[in-house]
Amino acid sequence: FRVDYNSIMDYVMARCVRLCALLVSKKTGAVLLDGARLVCCREENGQTVIDWNTTDDNIRKSIPQDRLSVVSAGYGMSAQGYTVNIARGGADLMATAIASVLDSPEIVFYAADDRIPSVSELSYDEAAHFFSGDDAAIFPPAMWPAVKKDIPIVVSSVSLTEGVSTVISRNA
């Protein structure tokens, strides 16, 4: 029997994320969904990759269309049942994947004012360059599902300061 330290840490951290999502769902009356059970992962050439077909099916079957949902994000599950850290930008990727599968008209991310560019619009390419730093409001590879379906991404101020937001789209 071998214990993989990363899998134990991933499991514990995924439970912490789920606890935070549980608190939000209790406060808002939303349906709580365990993101780790939505995202199906597999190992390919020593890398963890997302099985998008299975993940899309899981999202379609699990997220109710008529109720607010809170998803604990950033983690997936392997075919063997192990919790897997999706890595940097995992929560962002989960949000864009869900929005893509559900054909959302837009995706909104909230960030601190200093992490939002001082322009009202950016193209997907421009945003990928702007948000390439470690403290970026959105991790560029996580934009892929939105780019694929041409869904605008809005990065708004967490303080809800009026007018502090940037729209990321193909036609910016």
C-alpha atoms as a PDB file:
ATOM      1  CA  PHE A   1       0.000   0.000   0.000  1.00  0.00           C
ATOM      2  CA  ARG A   2       1.475   3.321  -1.098  1.00  0.00           C
ATOM      3  CA  VAL A   3       0.212   6.721   0.027  1.00  0.00           C
ATOM      4  CA  ASP A   4       0.600   9.479  -2.529  1.00  0.00           C
ATOM      5  CA  TYR A   5       1.122  12.733  -0.607  1.00  0.00           C
ATOM      6  CA  ASN A   6      -0.312  14.853  -3.418  1.00  0.00           C
ATOM      7  CA  SER A   7      -3.533  12.837  -3.544  1.00  0.00           C
ATOM      8  CA  ILE A   8      -4.001  13.236   0.219  1.00  0.00           C
ATOM      9  CA  MET A   9      -3.370  16.991   0.008  1.00  0.00           C
ATOM     10  CA  ASP A  10      -5.696  17.272  -2.993  1.00  0.00           C
ATOM     11  CA  TYR A  11      -8.404  15.407  -1.098  1.00  0.00           C
ATOM     12  CA  VAL A  12      -8.089  17.628   1.987  1.00  0.00           C
ATOM     13  CA  MET A  13      -7.993  20.851  -0.042  1.00  0.00           C
ATOM     14  CA  ALA A  14     -10.991  19.750  -2.129  1.00  0.00           C
ATOM     15  CA  ARG A  15     -12.928  19.161   1.126  1.00  0.00           C
ATOM     16  CA  CYS A  16     -11.987  22.691   2.298  1.00  0.00           C
ATOM     17  CA  VAL A  17     -13.217  24.160  -0.991  1.00  0.00           C
ATOM     18  CA  ARG A  18     -16.412  22.120  -0.663  1.00  0.00           C
ATOM     19  CA  LEU A  19     -16.944  23.436   2.894  1.00  0.00           C
ATOM     20  CA  CYS A  20     -16.678  27.030   1.642  1.00  0.00           C
ATOM     21  CA  ALA A  21     -19.152  26.254  -1.150  1.00  0.00           C
ATOM     22  CA  LEU A  22     -21.466  24.641   1.426  1.00  0.00           C
ATOM     23  CA  LEU A  23     -21.454  27.835   3.501  1.00  0.00           C
ATOM     24  CA  VAL A  24     -22.299  29.927   0.422  1.00  0.00           C
ATOM     25  CA  SER A  25     -25.072  27.529  -0.600  1.00  0.00           C
ATOM     26  CA  LYS A  26     -26.611  27.664   2.897  1.00  0.00           C
ATOM     27  CA  LYS A  27     -26.532  31.467   2.883  1.00  0.00           C
ATOM     28  CA  THR A  28     -28.047  31.766  -0.616  1.00  0.00           C
ATOM     29  CA  GLY A  29     -30.340  28.722  -0.673  1.00  0.00           C
ATOM     30  CA  ALA A  30     -28.488  27.416  -3.734  1.00  0.00           C
ATOM     31  CA  VAL A  31     -28.019  23.790  -4.712  1.00  0.00           C
ATOM     32  CA  LEU A  32     -24.537  22.562  -3.691  1.00  0.00           C
ATOM     33  CA  LEU A  33     -22.609  20.524  -6.249  1.00  0.00           C
ATOM     34  CA  ASP A  34     -19.246  18.857  -5.684  1.00  0.00           C
ATOM     35  CA  GLY A  35     -17.097  19.997  -8.612  1.00  0.00           C
ATOM     36  CA  ALA A  36     -14.752  17.052  -8.115  1.00  0.00           C
ATOM     37  CA  ARG A  37     -17.622  14.751  -9.097  1.00  0.00           C
ATOM     38  CA  LEU A  38     -18.360  16.819 -12.218  1.00  0.00           C
ATOM     39  CA  VAL A  39     -14.840  16.895 -13.685  1.00  0.00           C
ATOM     40  CA  CYS A  40     -13.582  13.558 -14.960  1.00  0.00           C
ATOM     41  CA  CYS A  41      -9.783  13.302 -15.238  1.00  0.00           C
ATOM     42  CA  ARG A  42      -7.394  10.720 -16.614  1.00  0.00           C
ATOM     43  CA  GLU A  43      -3.643  10.353 -16.869  1.00  0.00           C
ATOM     44  CA  GLU A  44      -2.143  10.717 -20.299  1.00  0.00           C
ATOM     45  CA  ASN A  45       1.637  10.660 -20.884  1.00  0.00           C
ATOM     46  CA  GLY A  46       2.272  11.406 -17.213  1.00  0.00           C
ATOM     47  CA  GLN A  47      -0.079  14.418 -17.226  1.00  0.00           C
ATOM     48  CA  THR A  48      -3.544  14.788 -15.752  1.00  0.00           C
ATOM     49  CA  VAL A  49      -6.001  15.774 -18.475  1.00  0.00           C
ATOM     50  CA  ILE A  50      -9.723  16.459 -18.380  1.00  0.00           C
ATOM     51  CA  ASP A  51     -12.037  14.072 -20.202  1.00  0.00           C
ATOM     52  CA  TRP A  52     -14.206  16.810 -21.716  1.00  0.00           C
ATOM     53  CA  ASN A  53     -16.920  14.523 -23.121  1.00  0.00           C
ATOM     54  CA  THR A  54     -17.620  12.903 -19.749  1.00  0.00           C
ATOM     55  CA  THR A  55     -17.267  16.221 -17.909  1.00  0.00           C
ATOM     56  CA  ASP A  56     -19.743  17.930 -20.261  1.00  0.00           C
ATOM     57  CA  ASP A  57     -22.218  15.059 -19.739  1.00  0.00           C
ATOM     58  CA  ASN A  58     -21.789  15.299 -15.951  1.00  0.00           C
ATOM     59  CA  ILE A  59     -22.441  19.052 -16.035  1.00  0.00           C
ATOM     60  CA  ARG A  60     -25.573  18.659 -18.194  1.00  0.00           C
ATOM     61  CA  LYS A  61     -26.978  15.938 -15.924  1.00  0.00           C
ATOM     62  CA  SER A  62     -26.089  17.559 -12.586  1.00  0.00           C
ATOM     63  CA  ILE A  63     -26.701  21.299 -12.760  1.00  0.00           C
ATOM     64  CA  PRO A  64     -30.362  22.255 -12.466  1.00  0.00           C
ATOM     65  CA  GLN A  65     -31.476  24.866 -15.022  1.00  0.00           C
ATOM     66  CA  ASP A  66     -34.134  26.350 -12.760  1.00  0.00           C
ATOM     67  CA  ARG A  67     -32.151  26.873  -9.532  1.00  0.00           C
ATOM     68  CA  LEU A  68     -29.088  28.767  -8.424  1.00  0.00           C
ATOM     69  CA  SER A  69     -26.146  26.385  -8.003  1.00  0.00           C
ATOM     70  CA  VAL A  70     -22.883  26.661  -6.106  1.00  0.00           C
ATOM     71  CA  VAL A  71     -20.088  24.407  -7.359  1.00  0.00           C
ATOM     72  CA  SER A  72     -16.973  23.639  -5.349  1.00  0.00           C
ATOM     73  CA  ALA A  73     -14.404  24.018  -8.081  1.00  0.00           C
ATOM     74  CA  GLY A  74     -10.751  23.455  -8.864  1.00  0.00           C
ATOM     75  CA  TYR A  75     -10.725  19.693  -8.425  1.00  0.00           C
ATOM     76  CA  GLY A  76     -11.698  16.687 -10.481  1.00  0.00           C
ATOM     77  CA  MET A  77     -11.831  12.945  -9.974  1.00  0.00           C
ATOM     78  CA  SER A  78      -9.841  10.207 -11.628  1.00  0.00           C
ATOM     79  CA  ALA A  79     -11.429   7.023 -12.967  1.00  0.00           C
ATOM     80  CA  GLN A  80      -9.966   5.288  -9.907  1.00  0.00           C
ATOM     81  CA  GLY A  81     -11.887   7.653  -7.580  1.00  0.00           C
ATOM     82  CA  TYR A  82      -8.963   9.840  -6.513  1.00  0.00           C
ATOM     83  CA  THR A  83      -9.443  13.576  -6.060  1.00  0.00           C
ATOM     84  CA  VAL A  84      -7.236  15.444  -8.530  1.00  0.00           C
ATOM     85  CA  ASN A  85      -6.113  19.080  -8.377  1.00  0.00           C
ATOM     86  CA  ILE A  86      -6.821  20.619 -11.784  1.00  0.00           C
ATOM     87  CA  ALA A  87      -3.937  23.040 -11.085  1.00  0.00           C
ATOM     88  CA  ARG A  88      -3.638  26.763 -11.482  1.00  0.00           C
ATOM     89  CA  GLY A  89      -6.849  28.322 -12.751  1.00  0.00           C
ATOM     90  CA  GLY A  90      -8.880  25.186 -12.014  1.00  0.00           C
ATOM     91  CA  ALA A  91     -11.811  27.105 -10.517  1.00  0.00           C
ATOM     92  CA  ASP A  92     -11.768  29.546 -13.448  1.00  0.00           C
ATOM     93  CA  LEU A  93     -11.721  26.637 -15.882  1.00  0.00           C
ATOM     94  CA  MET A  94     -14.649  25.002 -14.086  1.00  0.00           C
ATOM     95  CA  ALA A  95     -16.675  28.222 -14.354  1.00  0.00           C
ATOM     96  CA  THR A  96     -16.016  28.649 -18.065  1.00  0.00           C
ATOM     97  CA  ALA A  97     -16.665  24.948 -18.725  1.00  0.00           C
ATOM     98  CA  ILE A  98     -20.034  25.076 -16.957  1.00  0.00           C
ATOM     99  CA  ALA A  99     -21.010  28.272 -18.770  1.00  0.00           C
ATOM    100  CA  SER A 100     -19.982  26.741 -22.080  1.00  0.00           C
ATOM    101  CA  VAL A 101     -21.961  23.528 -21.582  1.00  0.00           C
ATOM    102  CA  LEU A 102     -25.046  25.439 -20.408  1.00  0.00           C
ATOM    103  CA  ASP A 103     -24.792  27.972 -23.285  1.00  0.00           C
ATOM    104  CA  SER A 104     -24.617  30.949 -20.915  1.00  0.00           C
ATOM    105  CA  PRO A 105     -24.814  34.379 -22.546  1.00  0.00           C
ATOM    106  CA  GLU A 106     -21.795  35.608 -20.517  1.00  0.00           C
ATOM    107  CA  ILE A 107     -19.424  34.648 -17.716  1.00  0.00           C
ATOM    108  CA  VAL A 108     -18.687  37.058 -14.859  1.00  0.00           C
ATOM    109  CA  PHE A 109     -15.543  36.902 -12.718  1.00  0.00           C
ATOM    110  CA  TYR A 110     -15.057  39.187  -9.729  1.00  0.00           C
ATOM    111  CA  ALA A 111     -11.620  40.566  -8.900  1.00  0.00           C
ATOM    112  CA  ALA A 112      -9.977  43.307  -6.880  1.00  0.00           C
ATOM    113  CA  ASP A 113     -10.014  46.675  -8.638  1.00  0.00           C
ATOM    114  CA  ASP A 114      -6.234  46.624  -9.144  1.00  0.00           C
ATOM    115  CA  ARG A 115      -6.484  43.341 -11.083  1.00  0.00           C
ATOM    116  CA  ILE A 116      -8.883  44.764 -13.680  1.00  0.00           C
ATOM    117  CA  PRO A 117      -7.419  46.607 -16.669  1.00  0.00           C
ATOM    118  CA  SER A 118      -8.364  50.246 -17.127  1.00  0.00           C
ATOM    119  CA  VAL A 119     -10.011  49.517 -20.479  1.00  0.00           C
ATOM    120  CA  SER A 120     -13.632  48.574 -20.995  1.00  0.00           C
ATOM    121  CA  GLU A 121     -12.983  45.895 -23.653  1.00  0.00           C
ATOM    122  CA  LEU A 122     -10.288  43.387 -24.585  1.00  0.00           C
ATOM    123  CA  SER A 123     -10.133  40.685 -27.225  1.00  0.00           C
ATOM    124  CA  TYR A 124      -9.484  37.135 -26.049  1.00  0.00           C
ATOM    125  CA  ASP A 125      -5.878  37.430 -27.321  1.00  0.00           C
ATOM    126  CA  GLU A 126      -5.314  40.768 -25.577  1.00  0.00           C
ATOM    127  CA  ALA A 127      -6.756  39.368 -22.345  1.00  0.00           C
ATOM    128  CA  ALA A 128      -4.472  36.328 -22.539  1.00  0.00           C
ATOM    129  CA  HIS A 129      -1.480  38.692 -22.581  1.00  0.00           C
ATOM    130  CA  PHE A 130      -2.837  41.057 -19.932  1.00  0.00           C
ATOM    131  CA  PHE A 131      -3.794  38.309 -17.488  1.00  0.00           C
ATOM    132  CA  SER A 132      -0.568  36.300 -17.821  1.00  0.00           C
ATOM    133  CA  GLY A 133       0.785  37.302 -14.372  1.00  0.00           C
ATOM    134  CA  ASP A 134       0.603  35.241 -11.193  1.00  0.00           C
ATOM    135  CA  ASP A 135      -2.054  37.453  -9.593  1.00  0.00           C
ATOM    136  CA  ALA A 136      -4.263  37.716 -12.679  1.00  0.00           C
ATOM    137  CA  ALA A 137      -8.036  37.982 -12.347  1.00  0.00           C
ATOM    138  CA  ILE A 138      -8.444  35.002 -14.687  1.00  0.00           C
ATOM    139  CA  PHE A 139      -5.919  32.400 -15.796  1.00  0.00           C
ATOM    140  CA  PRO A 140      -5.675  32.595 -19.632  1.00  0.00           C
ATOM    141  CA  PRO A 141      -5.938  28.839 -20.399  1.00  0.00           C
ATOM    142  CA  ALA A 142      -9.177  28.807 -18.386  1.00  0.00           C
ATOM    143  CA  MET A 143     -10.745  31.065 -21.029  1.00  0.00           C
ATOM    144  CA  TRP A 144     -10.619  28.249 -23.608  1.00  0.00           C
ATOM    145  CA  PRO A 145     -14.224  26.961 -23.181  1.00  0.00           C
ATOM    146  CA  ALA A 146     -15.534  30.543 -23.488  1.00  0.00           C
ATOM    147  CA  VAL A 147     -13.391  31.237 -26.557  1.00  0.00           C
ATOM    148  CA  LYS A 148     -14.524  27.971 -28.152  1.00  0.00           C
ATOM    149  CA  LYS A 149     -18.204  28.943 -27.745  1.00  0.00           C
ATOM    150  CA  ASP A 150     -17.625  32.704 -28.230  1.00  0.00           C
ATOM    151  CA  ILE A 151     -19.028  33.591 -24.794  1.00  0.00           C
ATOM    152  CA  PRO A 152     -18.055  37.053 -23.503  1.00  0.00           C
ATOM    153  CA  ILE A 153     -16.222  37.145 -20.175  1.00  0.00           C
ATOM    154  CA  VAL A 154     -16.849  40.096 -17.865  1.00  0.00           C
ATOM    155  CA  VAL A 155     -14.251  40.835 -15.189  1.00  0.00           C
ATOM    156  CA  SER A 156     -15.934  43.066 -12.606  1.00  0.00           C
ATOM    157  CA  SER A 157     -14.880  44.658  -9.375  1.00  0.00           C
ATOM    158  CA  VAL A 158     -15.431  42.604  -6.246  1.00  0.00           C
ATOM    159  CA  SER A 159     -16.202  45.881  -4.461  1.00  0.00           C
ATOM    160  CA  LEU A 160     -18.911  46.483  -7.064  1.00  0.00           C
ATOM    161  CA  THR A 161     -17.480  49.884  -7.893  1.00  0.00           C
ATOM    162  CA  GLU A 162     -19.689  51.152 -10.684  1.00  0.00           C
ATOM    163  CA  GLY A 163     -18.002  51.152 -14.061  1.00  0.00           C
ATOM    164  CA  VAL A 164     -15.007  49.054 -13.010  1.00  0.00           C
ATOM    165  CA  SER A 165     -15.219  46.110 -15.373  1.00  0.00           C
ATOM    166  CA  THR A 166     -13.722  44.785 -18.585  1.00  0.00           C
ATOM    167  CA  VAL A 167     -15.535  42.767 -21.238  1.00  0.00           C
ATOM    168  CA  ILE A 168     -13.432  40.122 -22.971  1.00  0.00           C
ATOM    169  CA  SER A 169     -14.784  38.926 -26.304  1.00  0.00           C
ATOM    170  CA  ARG A 170     -13.892  38.045 -29.864  1.00  0.00           C
ATOM    171  CA  ASN A 171     -15.167  41.394 -31.191  1.00  0.00           C
ATOM    172  CA  ALA A 172     -13.539  43.789 -28.710  1.00  0.00           C
END
